[in-house]
């Protein structure tokens, strides 16, 4: 299988890539490194990524929380929430929507969670 791992240079993504690389063709995508680079805040960057990669069998999204806001609840502003949602949630949604036309029949998308699963 051809597996695309977005966030593949980070802690979780790197572990996923290492686990899959012996059995699959793994493509590592990162913000600053990897086989390809993408800015998950940019629809153009995401579209360009999948145009370059072409068709594939599985997408794993293990992007980090680089622009998420970590503050006590009473200190959070609406902009803090927007930035956090745009970083993790909408980045993942945008990746999946752009990937759908490129995923082979029977393919899959797997979205991961990190620290926010434990400590929202």
PDB file of N, CA and C in Angstrom:
ATOM      1  N   UNK A   1       0.829  -1.193   0.000  1.00  0.00           N
ATOM      2  CA  UNK A   1       0.000   0.000   0.000  1.00  0.00           C
ATOM      3  C   UNK A   1       0.867   1.247   0.000  1.00  0.00           C
ATOM      4  N   UNK A   2       0.380   2.281  -0.631  1.00  0.00           N
ATOM      5  CA  UNK A   2       1.027   3.591  -0.614  1.00  0.00           C
ATOM      6  C   UNK A   2       0.328   4.400   0.483  1.00  0.00           C
ATOM      7  N   UNK A   3       1.075   4.729   1.549  1.00  0.00           N
ATOM      8  CA  UNK A   3       0.528   5.401   2.729  1.00  0.00           C
ATOM      9  C   UNK A   3       1.158   6.783   2.874  1.00  0.00           C
ATOM     10  N   UNK A   4       0.313   7.803   2.941  1.00  0.00           N
ATOM     11  CA  UNK A   4       0.755   9.180   3.128  1.00  0.00           C
ATOM     12  C   UNK A   4       0.566   9.542   4.598  1.00  0.00           C
ATOM     13  N   UNK A   5       1.640   9.961   5.255  1.00  0.00           N
ATOM     14  CA  UNK A   5       1.564  10.348   6.666  1.00  0.00           C
ATOM     15  C   UNK A   5       1.858  11.837   6.779  1.00  0.00           C
ATOM     16  N   UNK A   6       0.812  12.626   7.007  1.00  0.00           N
ATOM     17  CA  UNK A   6       0.971  14.070   7.200  1.00  0.00           C
ATOM     18  C   UNK A   6       1.252  14.289   8.683  1.00  0.00           C
ATOM     19  N   UNK A   7       2.335  14.984   8.961  1.00  0.00           N
ATOM     20  CA  UNK A   7       2.807  15.101  10.340  1.00  0.00           C
ATOM     21  C   UNK A   7       3.791  13.973  10.630  1.00  0.00           C
ATOM     22  N   UNK A   8       4.317  13.386   9.574  1.00  0.00           N
ATOM     23  CA  UNK A   8       5.199  12.237   9.702  1.00  0.00           C
ATOM     24  C   UNK A   8       6.574  12.531  10.254  1.00  0.00           C
ATOM     25  N   UNK A   9       6.883  13.801  10.472  1.00  0.00           N
ATOM     26  CA  UNK A   9       8.172  14.156  11.073  1.00  0.00           C
ATOM     27  C   UNK A   9       8.042  14.415  12.573  1.00  0.00           C
ATOM     28  N   UNK A  10       6.819  14.399  13.083  1.00  0.00           N
ATOM     29  CA  UNK A  10       6.585  14.643  14.507  1.00  0.00           C
ATOM     30  C   UNK A  10       6.646  13.363  15.329  1.00  0.00           C
ATOM     31  N   UNK A  11       6.407  13.490  16.596  1.00  0.00           N
ATOM     32  CA  UNK A  11       6.535  12.377  17.534  1.00  0.00           C
ATOM     33  C   UNK A  11       5.632  11.198  17.164  1.00  0.00           C
ATOM     34  N   UNK A  12       4.345  11.440  17.011  1.00  0.00           N
ATOM     35  CA  UNK A  12       3.405  10.361  16.692  1.00  0.00           C
ATOM     36  C   UNK A  12       3.588   9.908  15.249  1.00  0.00           C
ATOM     37  N   UNK A  13       3.660  10.844  14.319  1.00  0.00           N
ATOM     38  CA  UNK A  13       3.793  10.505  12.911  1.00  0.00           C
ATOM     39  C   UNK A  13       5.048   9.709  12.604  1.00  0.00           C
ATOM     40  N   UNK A  14       6.138  10.060  13.242  1.00  0.00           N
ATOM     41  CA  UNK A  14       7.401   9.339  13.033  1.00  0.00           C
ATOM     42  C   UNK A  14       7.270   7.890  13.501  1.00  0.00           C
ATOM     43  N   UNK A  15       6.603   7.676  14.624  1.00  0.00           N
ATOM     44  CA  UNK A  15       6.403   6.317  15.132  1.00  0.00           C
ATOM     45  C   UNK A  15       5.514   5.505  14.181  1.00  0.00           C
ATOM     46  N   UNK A  16       4.489   6.137  13.636  1.00  0.00           N
ATOM     47  CA  UNK A  16       3.612   5.467  12.670  1.00  0.00           C
ATOM     48  C   UNK A  16       4.410   5.096  11.419  1.00  0.00           C
ATOM     49  N   UNK A  17       5.207   6.024  10.921  1.00  0.00           N
ATOM     50  CA  UNK A  17       6.016   5.771   9.720  1.00  0.00           C
ATOM     51  C   UNK A  17       6.976   4.607   9.947  1.00  0.00           C
ATOM     52  N   UNK A  18       7.636   4.596  11.085  1.00  0.00           N
ATOM     53  CA  UNK A  18       8.585   3.524  11.386  1.00  0.00           C
ATOM     54  C   UNK A  18       7.879   2.174  11.446  1.00  0.00           C
ATOM     55  N   UNK A  19       6.692   2.159  11.995  1.00  0.00           N
ATOM     56  CA  UNK A  19       5.921   0.913  12.134  1.00  0.00           C
ATOM     57  C   UNK A  19       5.469   0.372  10.773  1.00  0.00           C
ATOM     58  N   UNK A  20       5.154   1.275   9.834  1.00  0.00           N
ATOM     59  CA  UNK A  20       4.601   0.865   8.546  1.00  0.00           C
ATOM     60  C   UNK A  20       5.634   0.678   7.440  1.00  0.00           C
ATOM     61  N   UNK A  21       6.814   1.259   7.575  1.00  0.00           N
ATOM     62  CA  UNK A  21       7.752   1.321   6.464  1.00  0.00           C
ATOM     63  C   UNK A  21       8.233  -0.027   5.943  1.00  0.00           C
ATOM     64  N   UNK A  22       8.249  -1.054   6.748  1.00  0.00           N
ATOM     65  CA  UNK A  22       8.708  -2.364   6.287  1.00  0.00           C
ATOM     66  C   UNK A  22       7.694  -3.063   5.392  1.00  0.00           C
ATOM     67  N   UNK A  23       6.407  -2.711   5.543  1.00  0.00           N
ATOM     68  CA  UNK A  23       5.355  -3.402   4.795  1.00  0.00           C
ATOM     69  C   UNK A  23       4.683  -2.545   3.739  1.00  0.00           C
ATOM     70  N   UNK A  24       4.944  -1.236   3.733  1.00  0.00           N
ATOM     71  CA  UNK A  24       4.233  -0.328   2.836  1.00  0.00           C
ATOM     72  C   UNK A  24       5.166   0.723   2.259  1.00  0.00           C
ATOM     73  N   UNK A  25       4.716   1.343   1.182  1.00  0.00           N
ATOM     74  CA  UNK A  25       5.411   2.489   0.595  1.00  0.00           C
ATOM     75  C   UNK A  25       4.942   3.717   1.370  1.00  0.00           C
ATOM     76  N   UNK A  26       5.767   4.211   2.274  1.00  0.00           N
ATOM     77  CA  UNK A  26       5.400   5.306   3.171  1.00  0.00           C
ATOM     78  C   UNK A  26       5.923   6.628   2.624  1.00  0.00           C
ATOM     79  N   UNK A  27       5.039   7.615   2.550  1.00  0.00           N
ATOM     80  CA  UNK A  27       5.397   8.966   2.140  1.00  0.00           C
ATOM     81  C   UNK A  27       5.220   9.874   3.351  1.00  0.00           C
ATOM     82  N   UNK A  28       6.306  10.456   3.808  1.00  0.00           N
ATOM     83  CA  UNK A  28       6.287  11.314   4.990  1.00  0.00           C
ATOM     84  C   UNK A  28       6.121  12.769   4.550  1.00  0.00           C
ATOM     85  N   UNK A  29       5.127  13.423   5.135  1.00  0.00           N
ATOM     86  CA  UNK A  29       4.838  14.829   4.831  1.00  0.00           C
ATOM     87  C   UNK A  29       4.953  15.625   6.125  1.00  0.00           C
ATOM     88  N   UNK A  30       5.653  16.733   6.068  1.00  0.00           N
ATOM     89  CA  UNK A  30       5.792  17.593   7.236  1.00  0.00           C
ATOM     90  C   UNK A  30       5.674  19.054   6.860  1.00  0.00           C
ATOM     91  N   UNK A  31       5.677  19.890   7.857  1.00  0.00           N
ATOM     92  CA  UNK A  31       5.633  21.335   7.608  1.00  0.00           C
ATOM     93  C   UNK A  31       6.999  21.848   7.155  1.00  0.00           C
ATOM     94  N   UNK A  32       8.050  21.300   7.768  1.00  0.00           N
ATOM     95  CA  UNK A  32       9.409  21.758   7.446  1.00  0.00           C
ATOM     96  C   UNK A  32      10.293  20.669   6.855  1.00  0.00           C
ATOM     97  N   UNK A  33       9.858  19.418   6.887  1.00  0.00           N
ATOM     98  CA  UNK A  33      10.697  18.329   6.413  1.00  0.00           C
ATOM     99  C   UNK A  33       9.866  17.172   5.904  1.00  0.00           C
ATOM    100  N   UNK A  34      10.537  16.106   5.529  1.00  0.00           N
ATOM    101  CA  UNK A  34       9.866  14.937   5.005  1.00  0.00           C
ATOM    102  C   UNK A  34      10.046  14.825   3.502  1.00  0.00           C
ATOM    103  N   UNK A  35       9.360  13.854   2.912  1.00  0.00           N
ATOM    104  CA  UNK A  35       9.421  13.659   1.466  1.00  0.00           C
ATOM    105  C   UNK A  35       8.726  14.808   0.734  1.00  0.00           C
ATOM    106  N   UNK A  36       7.682  15.336   1.343  1.00  0.00           N
ATOM    107  CA  UNK A  36       6.930  16.493   0.828  1.00  0.00           C
ATOM    108  C   UNK A  36       6.647  17.428   1.996  1.00  0.00           C
ATOM    109  N   UNK A  37       6.328  18.671   1.675  1.00  0.00           N
ATOM    110  CA  UNK A  37       5.986  19.668   2.697  1.00  0.00           C
ATOM    111  C   UNK A  37       4.599  20.219   2.416  1.00  0.00           C
ATOM    112  N   UNK A  38       3.891  20.584   3.504  1.00  0.00           N
ATOM    113  CA  UNK A  38       2.550  21.146   3.363  1.00  0.00           C
ATOM    114  C   UNK A  38       2.290  22.114   4.510  1.00  0.00           C
ATOM    115  N   UNK A  39       1.513  23.133   4.217  1.00  0.00           N
ATOM    116  CA  UNK A  39       0.990  24.050   5.226  1.00  0.00           C
ATOM    117  C   UNK A  39      -0.489  23.723   5.347  1.00  0.00           C
ATOM    118  N   UNK A  40      -0.895  23.069   6.427  1.00  0.00           N
ATOM    119  CA  UNK A  40      -2.283  22.617   6.547  1.00  0.00           C
ATOM    120  C   UNK A  40      -3.273  23.759   6.731  1.00  0.00           C
ATOM    121  N   UNK A  41      -2.779  24.989   6.861  1.00  0.00           N
ATOM    122  CA  UNK A  41      -3.659  26.153   6.946  1.00  0.00           C
ATOM    123  C   UNK A  41      -3.971  26.722   5.565  1.00  0.00           C
ATOM    124  N   UNK A  42      -3.336  26.169   4.536  1.00  0.00           N
ATOM    125  CA  UNK A  42      -3.458  26.702   3.185  1.00  0.00           C
ATOM    126  C   UNK A  42      -4.075  25.673   2.245  1.00  0.00           C
ATOM    127  N   UNK A  43      -5.265  25.989   1.720  1.00  0.00           N
ATOM    128  CA  UNK A  43      -5.930  25.097   0.771  1.00  0.00           C
ATOM    129  C   UNK A  43      -5.065  24.886  -0.467  1.00  0.00           C
ATOM    130  N   UNK A  44      -4.371  25.924  -0.914  1.00  0.00           N
ATOM    131  CA  UNK A  44      -3.506  25.792  -2.088  1.00  0.00           C
ATOM    132  C   UNK A  44      -2.348  24.837  -1.830  1.00  0.00           C
ATOM    133  N   UNK A  45      -1.750  24.931  -0.654  1.00  0.00           N
ATOM    134  CA  UNK A  45      -0.644  24.052  -0.298  1.00  0.00           C
ATOM    135  C   UNK A  45      -1.114  22.594  -0.236  1.00  0.00           C
ATOM    136  N   UNK A  46      -2.278  22.372   0.346  1.00  0.00           N
ATOM    137  CA  UNK A  46      -2.829  21.018   0.452  1.00  0.00           C
ATOM    138  C   UNK A  46      -3.143  20.461  -0.930  1.00  0.00           C
ATOM    139  N   UNK A  47      -3.769  21.272  -1.775  1.00  0.00           N
ATOM    140  CA  UNK A  47      -4.097  20.826  -3.134  1.00  0.00           C
ATOM    141  C   UNK A  47      -2.823  20.464  -3.896  1.00  0.00           C
ATOM    142  N   UNK A  48      -1.808  21.299  -3.782  1.00  0.00           N
ATOM    143  CA  UNK A  48      -0.537  21.048  -4.454  1.00  0.00           C
ATOM    144  C   UNK A  48       0.095  19.747  -3.957  1.00  0.00           C
ATOM    145  N   UNK A  49       0.005  19.493  -2.648  1.00  0.00           N
ATOM    146  CA  UNK A  49       0.553  18.261  -2.081  1.00  0.00           C
ATOM    147  C   UNK A  49      -0.035  17.034  -2.769  1.00  0.00           C
ATOM    148  N   UNK A  50      -1.360  16.963  -2.835  1.00  0.00           N
ATOM    149  CA  UNK A  50      -1.986  15.771  -3.403  1.00  0.00           C
ATOM    150  C   UNK A  50      -1.830  15.696  -4.913  1.00  0.00           C
ATOM    151  N   UNK A  51      -1.674  16.824  -5.560  1.00  0.00           N
ATOM    152  CA  UNK A  51      -1.372  16.810  -6.995  1.00  0.00           C
ATOM    153  C   UNK A  51       0.012  16.192  -7.217  1.00  0.00           C
ATOM    154  N   UNK A  52       0.968  16.551  -6.381  1.00  0.00           N
ATOM    155  CA  UNK A  52       2.330  16.019  -6.500  1.00  0.00           C
ATOM    156  C   UNK A  52       2.393  14.530  -6.168  1.00  0.00           C
ATOM    157  N   UNK A  53       1.679  14.119  -5.133  1.00  0.00           N
ATOM    158  CA  UNK A  53       1.741  12.727  -4.688  1.00  0.00           C
ATOM    159  C   UNK A  53       0.977  11.802  -5.636  1.00  0.00           C
ATOM    160  N   UNK A  54      -0.137  12.264  -6.156  1.00  0.00           N
ATOM    161  CA  UNK A  54      -0.965  11.409  -7.002  1.00  0.00           C
ATOM    162  C   UNK A  54      -1.834  10.490  -6.167  1.00  0.00           C
ATOM    163  N   UNK A  55      -2.226   9.369  -6.753  1.00  0.00           N
ATOM    164  CA  UNK A  55      -3.136   8.450  -6.055  1.00  0.00           C
ATOM    165  C   UNK A  55      -2.392   7.644  -4.995  1.00  0.00           C
ATOM    166  N   UNK A  56      -3.123   7.289  -3.950  1.00  0.00           N
ATOM    167  CA  UNK A  56      -2.549   6.531  -2.839  1.00  0.00           C
ATOM    168  C   UNK A  56      -3.651   5.721  -2.167  1.00  0.00           C
ATOM    169  N   UNK A  57      -3.254   4.887  -1.206  1.00  0.00           N
ATOM    170  CA  UNK A  57      -4.197   3.971  -0.565  1.00  0.00           C
ATOM    171  C   UNK A  57      -4.662   4.398   0.820  1.00  0.00           C
ATOM    172  N   UNK A  58      -3.823   5.094   1.546  1.00  0.00           N
ATOM    173  CA  UNK A  58      -4.189   5.467   2.911  1.00  0.00           C
ATOM    174  C   UNK A  58      -3.566   6.805   3.288  1.00  0.00           C
ATOM    175  N   UNK A  59      -4.325   7.577   4.042  1.00  0.00           N
ATOM    176  CA  UNK A  59      -3.860   8.851   4.586  1.00  0.00           C
ATOM    177  C   UNK A  59      -3.903   8.759   6.102  1.00  0.00           C
ATOM    178  N   UNK A  60      -2.793   9.091   6.735  1.00  0.00           N
ATOM    179  CA  UNK A  60      -2.730   9.183   8.192  1.00  0.00           C
ATOM    180  C   UNK A  60      -2.394  10.632   8.508  1.00  0.00           C
ATOM    181  N   UNK A  61      -3.218  11.268   9.330  1.00  0.00           N
ATOM    182  CA  UNK A  61      -2.978  12.661   9.697  1.00  0.00           C
ATOM    183  C   UNK A  61      -2.576  12.700  11.171  1.00  0.00           C
ATOM    184  N   UNK A  62      -1.324  13.051  11.410  1.00  0.00           N
ATOM    185  CA  UNK A  62      -0.775  13.104  12.761  1.00  0.00           C
ATOM    186  C   UNK A  62      -0.153  14.471  13.004  1.00  0.00           C
ATOM    187  N   UNK A  63      -0.846  15.507  12.538  1.00  0.00           N
ATOM    188  CA  UNK A  63      -0.300  16.856  12.674  1.00  0.00           C
ATOM    189  C   UNK A  63      -0.317  17.297  14.126  1.00  0.00           C
ATOM    190  N   UNK A  64       0.616  18.158  14.475  1.00  0.00           N
ATOM    191  CA  UNK A  64       0.753  18.634  15.844  1.00  0.00           C
ATOM    192  C   UNK A  64      -0.110  19.836  16.139  1.00  0.00           C
ATOM    193  N   UNK A  65       0.136  20.439  17.250  1.00  0.00           N
ATOM    194  CA  UNK A  65      -0.632  21.571  17.758  1.00  0.00           C
ATOM    195  C   UNK A  65       0.219  22.827  17.751  1.00  0.00           C
ATOM    196  N   UNK A  66       0.969  23.040  16.695  1.00  0.00           N
ATOM    197  CA  UNK A  66       1.924  24.147  16.671  1.00  0.00           C
ATOM    198  C   UNK A  66       1.278  25.500  16.954  1.00  0.00           C
ATOM    199  N   UNK A  67       0.088  25.735  16.439  1.00  0.00           N
ATOM    200  CA  UNK A  67      -0.522  27.043  16.671  1.00  0.00           C
ATOM    201  C   UNK A  67      -1.722  26.965  17.605  1.00  0.00           C
ATOM    202  N   UNK A  68      -1.860  25.869  18.302  1.00  0.00           N
ATOM    203  CA  UNK A  68      -2.928  25.764  19.306  1.00  0.00           C
ATOM    204  C   UNK A  68      -2.612  26.647  20.498  1.00  0.00           C
ATOM    205  N   UNK A  69      -3.629  27.050  21.183  1.00  0.00           N
ATOM    206  CA  UNK A  69      -3.456  27.914  22.351  1.00  0.00           C
ATOM    207  C   UNK A  69      -3.684  27.108  23.623  1.00  0.00           C
ATOM    208  N   UNK A  70      -2.751  27.193  24.535  1.00  0.00           N
ATOM    209  CA  UNK A  70      -2.849  26.494  25.802  1.00  0.00           C
ATOM    210  C   UNK A  70      -2.842  27.527  26.922  1.00  0.00           C
ATOM    211  N   UNK A  71      -4.037  27.818  27.430  1.00  0.00           N
ATOM    212  CA  UNK A  71      -4.196  28.800  28.504  1.00  0.00           C
ATOM    213  C   UNK A  71      -5.326  28.346  29.406  1.00  0.00           C
ATOM    214  N   UNK A  72      -5.388  28.871  30.615  1.00  0.00           N
ATOM    215  CA  UNK A  72      -6.555  28.608  31.446  1.00  0.00           C
ATOM    216  C   UNK A  72      -7.825  29.129  30.760  1.00  0.00           C
ATOM    217  N   UNK A  73      -8.936  28.469  30.979  1.00  0.00           N
ATOM    218  CA  UNK A  73     -10.206  28.789  30.329  1.00  0.00           C
ATOM    219  C   UNK A  73     -10.544  30.275  30.394  1.00  0.00           C
ATOM    220  N   UNK A  74     -10.410  30.884  31.548  1.00  0.00           N
ATOM    221  CA  UNK A  74     -10.804  32.286  31.716  1.00  0.00           C
ATOM    222  C   UNK A  74      -9.884  33.258  30.978  1.00  0.00           C
ATOM    223  N   UNK A  75      -8.736  32.780  30.519  1.00  0.00           N
ATOM    224  CA  UNK A  75      -7.817  33.626  29.767  1.00  0.00           C
ATOM    225  C   UNK A  75      -7.967  33.467  28.257  1.00  0.00           C
ATOM    226  N   UNK A  76      -8.726  32.469  27.826  1.00  0.00           N
ATOM    227  CA  UNK A  76      -8.898  32.211  26.394  1.00  0.00           C
ATOM    228  C   UNK A  76      -9.788  33.277  25.767  1.00  0.00           C
ATOM    229  N   UNK A  77      -9.399  33.721  24.585  1.00  0.00           N
ATOM    230  CA  UNK A  77     -10.204  34.673  23.823  1.00  0.00           C
ATOM    231  C   UNK A  77     -10.858  33.922  22.656  1.00  0.00           C
ATOM    232  N   UNK A  78     -11.858  34.513  22.023  1.00  0.00           N
ATOM    233  CA  UNK A  78     -12.424  33.874  20.830  1.00  0.00           C
ATOM    234  C   UNK A  78     -11.355  33.598  19.762  1.00  0.00           C
ATOM    235  N   UNK A  79     -10.403  34.500  19.604  1.00  0.00           N
ATOM    236  CA  UNK A  79      -9.336  34.285  18.617  1.00  0.00           C
ATOM    237  C   UNK A  79      -8.472  33.084  18.989  1.00  0.00           C
ATOM    238  N   UNK A  80      -8.217  32.887  20.288  1.00  0.00           N
ATOM    239  CA  UNK A  80      -7.456  31.714  20.731  1.00  0.00           C
ATOM    240  C   UNK A  80      -8.167  30.432  20.315  1.00  0.00           C
ATOM    241  N   UNK A  81      -9.483  30.381  20.513  1.00  0.00           N
ATOM    242  CA  UNK A  81     -10.251  29.201  20.122  1.00  0.00           C
ATOM    243  C   UNK A  81     -10.213  29.006  18.613  1.00  0.00           C
ATOM    244  N   UNK A  82     -10.385  30.096  17.876  1.00  0.00           N
ATOM    245  CA  UNK A  82     -10.359  30.020  16.423  1.00  0.00           C
ATOM    246  C   UNK A  82      -9.012  29.481  15.937  1.00  0.00           C
ATOM    247  N   UNK A  83      -7.937  30.010  16.458  1.00  0.00           N
ATOM    248  CA  UNK A  83      -6.604  29.571  16.041  1.00  0.00           C
ATOM    249  C   UNK A  83      -6.397  28.084  16.339  1.00  0.00           C
ATOM    250  N   UNK A  84      -6.848  27.638  17.492  1.00  0.00           N
ATOM    251  CA  UNK A  84      -6.701  26.230  17.862  1.00  0.00           C
ATOM    252  C   UNK A  84      -7.545  25.325  16.975  1.00  0.00           C
ATOM    253  N   UNK A  85      -8.794  25.707  16.748  1.00  0.00           N
ATOM    254  CA  UNK A  85      -9.660  24.903  15.880  1.00  0.00           C
ATOM    255  C   UNK A  85      -9.143  24.875  14.452  1.00  0.00           C
ATOM    256  N   UNK A  86      -8.665  26.005  13.977  1.00  0.00           N
ATOM    257  CA  UNK A  86      -8.138  26.076  12.615  1.00  0.00           C
ATOM    258  C   UNK A  86      -6.880  25.227  12.477  1.00  0.00           C
ATOM    259  N   UNK A  87      -6.084  25.170  13.518  1.00  0.00           N
ATOM    260  CA  UNK A  87      -4.835  24.432  13.475  1.00  0.00           C
ATOM    261  C   UNK A  87      -5.060  22.928  13.416  1.00  0.00           C
ATOM    262  N   UNK A  88      -5.806  22.391  14.331  1.00  0.00           N
ATOM    263  CA  UNK A  88      -5.943  20.933  14.419  1.00  0.00           C
ATOM    264  C   UNK A  88      -7.172  20.441  13.661  1.00  0.00           C
ATOM    265  N   UNK A  89      -8.340  20.872  14.046  1.00  0.00           N
ATOM    266  CA  UNK A  89      -9.570  20.347  13.454  1.00  0.00           C
ATOM    267  C   UNK A  89      -9.694  20.672  11.975  1.00  0.00           C
ATOM    268  N   UNK A  90      -9.660  21.937  11.624  1.00  0.00           N
ATOM    269  CA  UNK A  90      -9.882  22.321  10.228  1.00  0.00           C
ATOM    270  C   UNK A  90      -8.721  21.899   9.325  1.00  0.00           C
ATOM    271  N   UNK A  91      -7.534  21.833   9.865  1.00  0.00           N
ATOM    272  CA  UNK A  91      -6.411  21.319   9.092  1.00  0.00           C
ATOM    273  C   UNK A  91      -6.655  19.873   8.686  1.00  0.00           C
ATOM    274  N   UNK A  92      -7.146  19.070   9.624  1.00  0.00           N
ATOM    275  CA  UNK A  92      -7.445  17.672   9.330  1.00  0.00           C
ATOM    276  C   UNK A  92      -8.608  17.555   8.354  1.00  0.00           C
ATOM    277  N   UNK A  93      -9.653  18.331   8.560  1.00  0.00           N
ATOM    278  CA  UNK A  93     -10.806  18.302   7.654  1.00  0.00           C
ATOM    279  C   UNK A  93     -10.368  18.690   6.240  1.00  0.00           C
ATOM    280  N   UNK A  94      -9.589  19.734   6.115  1.00  0.00           N
ATOM    281  CA  UNK A  94      -9.126  20.186   4.805  1.00  0.00           C
ATOM    282  C   UNK A  94      -8.277  19.128   4.105  1.00  0.00           C
ATOM    283  N   UNK A  95      -7.421  18.444   4.867  1.00  0.00           N
ATOM    284  CA  UNK A  95      -6.606  17.382   4.291  1.00  0.00           C
ATOM    285  C   UNK A  95      -7.474  16.241   3.766  1.00  0.00           C
ATOM    286  N   UNK A  96      -8.444  15.814   4.546  1.00  0.00           N
ATOM    287  CA  UNK A  96      -9.302  14.703   4.125  1.00  0.00           C
ATOM    288  C   UNK A  96     -10.110  15.082   2.889  1.00  0.00           C
ATOM    289  N   UNK A  97     -10.713  16.262   2.897  1.00  0.00           N
ATOM    290  CA  UNK A  97     -11.523  16.674   1.742  1.00  0.00           C
ATOM    291  C   UNK A  97     -10.686  16.741   0.464  1.00  0.00           C
ATOM    292  N   UNK A  98      -9.477  17.258   0.564  1.00  0.00           N
ATOM    293  CA  UNK A  98      -8.612  17.351  -0.613  1.00  0.00           C
ATOM    294  C   UNK A  98      -8.074  15.985  -1.031  1.00  0.00           C
ATOM    295  N   UNK A  99      -7.951  15.071  -0.087  1.00  0.00           N
ATOM    296  CA  UNK A  99      -7.411  13.740  -0.378  1.00  0.00           C
ATOM    297  C   UNK A  99      -8.430  12.818  -1.044  1.00  0.00           C
ATOM    298  N   UNK A 100      -9.701  13.020  -0.779  1.00  0.00           N
ATOM    299  CA  UNK A 100     -10.717  12.080  -1.255  1.00  0.00           C
ATOM    300  C   UNK A 100     -10.622  11.736  -2.740  1.00  0.00           C
ATOM    301  N   UNK A 101     -10.428  12.699  -3.636  1.00  0.00           N
ATOM    302  CA  UNK A 101     -10.334  12.336  -5.051  1.00  0.00           C
ATOM    303  C   UNK A 101      -9.077  11.524  -5.404  1.00  0.00           C
ATOM    304  N   UNK A 102      -8.090  11.510  -4.519  1.00  0.00           N
ATOM    305  CA  UNK A 102      -6.823  10.827  -4.800  1.00  0.00           C
ATOM    306  C   UNK A 102      -6.699   9.469  -4.107  1.00  0.00           C
ATOM    307  N   UNK A 103      -7.634   9.140  -3.224  1.00  0.00           N
ATOM    308  CA  UNK A 103      -7.556   7.869  -2.507  1.00  0.00           C
ATOM    309  C   UNK A 103      -8.121   6.763  -3.390  1.00  0.00           C
ATOM    310  N   UNK A 104      -7.349   5.699  -3.538  1.00  0.00           N
ATOM    311  CA  UNK A 104      -7.790   4.560  -4.329  1.00  0.00           C
ATOM    312  C   UNK A 104      -9.007   3.895  -3.697  1.00  0.00           C
ATOM    313  N   UNK A 105      -9.791   3.177  -4.511  1.00  0.00           N
ATOM    314  CA  UNK A 105     -10.952   2.441  -4.008  1.00  0.00           C
ATOM    315  C   UNK A 105     -10.532   1.546  -2.843  1.00  0.00           C
ATOM    316  N   UNK A 106     -11.320   1.565  -1.784  1.00  0.00           N
ATOM    317  CA  UNK A 106     -11.018   0.769  -0.598  1.00  0.00           C
ATOM    318  C   UNK A 106     -10.004   1.422   0.317  1.00  0.00           C
ATOM    319  N   UNK A 107      -9.578   2.642  -0.006  1.00  0.00           N
ATOM    320  CA  UNK A 107      -8.589   3.347   0.803  1.00  0.00           C
ATOM    321  C   UNK A 107      -9.173   3.872   2.107  1.00  0.00           C
ATOM    322  N   UNK A 108      -8.323   4.516   2.886  1.00  0.00           N
ATOM    323  CA  UNK A 108      -8.774   4.993   4.203  1.00  0.00           C
ATOM    324  C   UNK A 108      -8.091   6.288   4.605  1.00  0.00           C
ATOM    325  N   UNK A 109      -8.738   6.983   5.546  1.00  0.00           N
ATOM    326  CA  UNK A 109      -8.174   8.168   6.206  1.00  0.00           C
ATOM    327  C   UNK A 109      -8.209   7.903   7.701  1.00  0.00           C
ATOM    328  N   UNK A 110      -7.083   8.118   8.360  1.00  0.00           N
ATOM    329  CA  UNK A 110      -6.999   7.946   9.808  1.00  0.00           C
ATOM    330  C   UNK A 110      -6.536   9.264  10.410  1.00  0.00           C
ATOM    331  N   UNK A 111      -7.317   9.798  11.333  1.00  0.00           N
ATOM    332  CA  UNK A 111      -6.978  11.048  12.013  1.00  0.00           C
ATOM    333  C   UNK A 111      -6.543  10.716  13.433  1.00  0.00           C
ATOM    334  N   UNK A 112      -5.485  11.369  13.887  1.00  0.00           N
ATOM    335  CA  UNK A 112      -4.982  11.105  15.228  1.00  0.00           C
ATOM    336  C   UNK A 112      -5.268  12.272  16.159  1.00  0.00           C
ATOM    337  N   UNK A 113      -5.145  11.996  17.419  1.00  0.00           N
ATOM    338  CA  UNK A 113      -5.267  13.022  18.440  1.00  0.00           C
ATOM    339  C   UNK A 113      -4.021  12.946  19.311  1.00  0.00           C
ATOM    340  N   UNK A 114      -3.691  14.008  19.953  1.00  0.00           N
ATOM    341  CA  UNK A 114      -2.522  14.031  20.816  1.00  0.00           C
ATOM    342  C   UNK A 114      -2.906  14.433  22.216  1.00  0.00           C
ATOM    343  N   UNK A 115      -2.188  15.368  22.768  1.00  0.00           N
ATOM    344  CA  UNK A 115      -2.375  15.796  24.141  1.00  0.00           C
ATOM    345  C   UNK A 115      -3.770  16.350  24.415  1.00  0.00           C
ATOM    346  N   UNK A 116      -4.407  16.939  23.388  1.00  0.00           N
ATOM    347  CA  UNK A 116      -5.733  17.490  23.606  1.00  0.00           C
ATOM    348  C   UNK A 116      -6.769  16.417  23.910  1.00  0.00           C
ATOM    349  N   UNK A 117      -6.468  15.171  23.585  1.00  0.00           N
ATOM    350  CA  UNK A 117      -7.335  14.071  23.949  1.00  0.00           C
ATOM    351  C   UNK A 117      -7.338  13.872  25.473  1.00  0.00           C
ATOM    352  N   UNK A 118      -6.210  14.151  26.095  1.00  0.00           N
ATOM    353  CA  UNK A 118      -6.053  13.968  27.525  1.00  0.00           C
ATOM    354  C   UNK A 118      -6.302  15.243  28.328  1.00  0.00           C
ATOM    355  N   UNK A 119      -5.909  16.379  27.747  1.00  0.00           N
ATOM    356  CA  UNK A 119      -5.953  17.647  28.476  1.00  0.00           C
ATOM    357  C   UNK A 119      -6.477  18.748  27.561  1.00  0.00           C
ATOM    358  N   UNK A 120      -7.817  18.781  27.370  1.00  0.00           N
ATOM    359  CA  UNK A 120      -8.374  19.790  26.444  1.00  0.00           C
ATOM    360  C   UNK A 120      -8.159  21.135  26.995  1.00  0.00           C
TER     361      UNK A 120
END
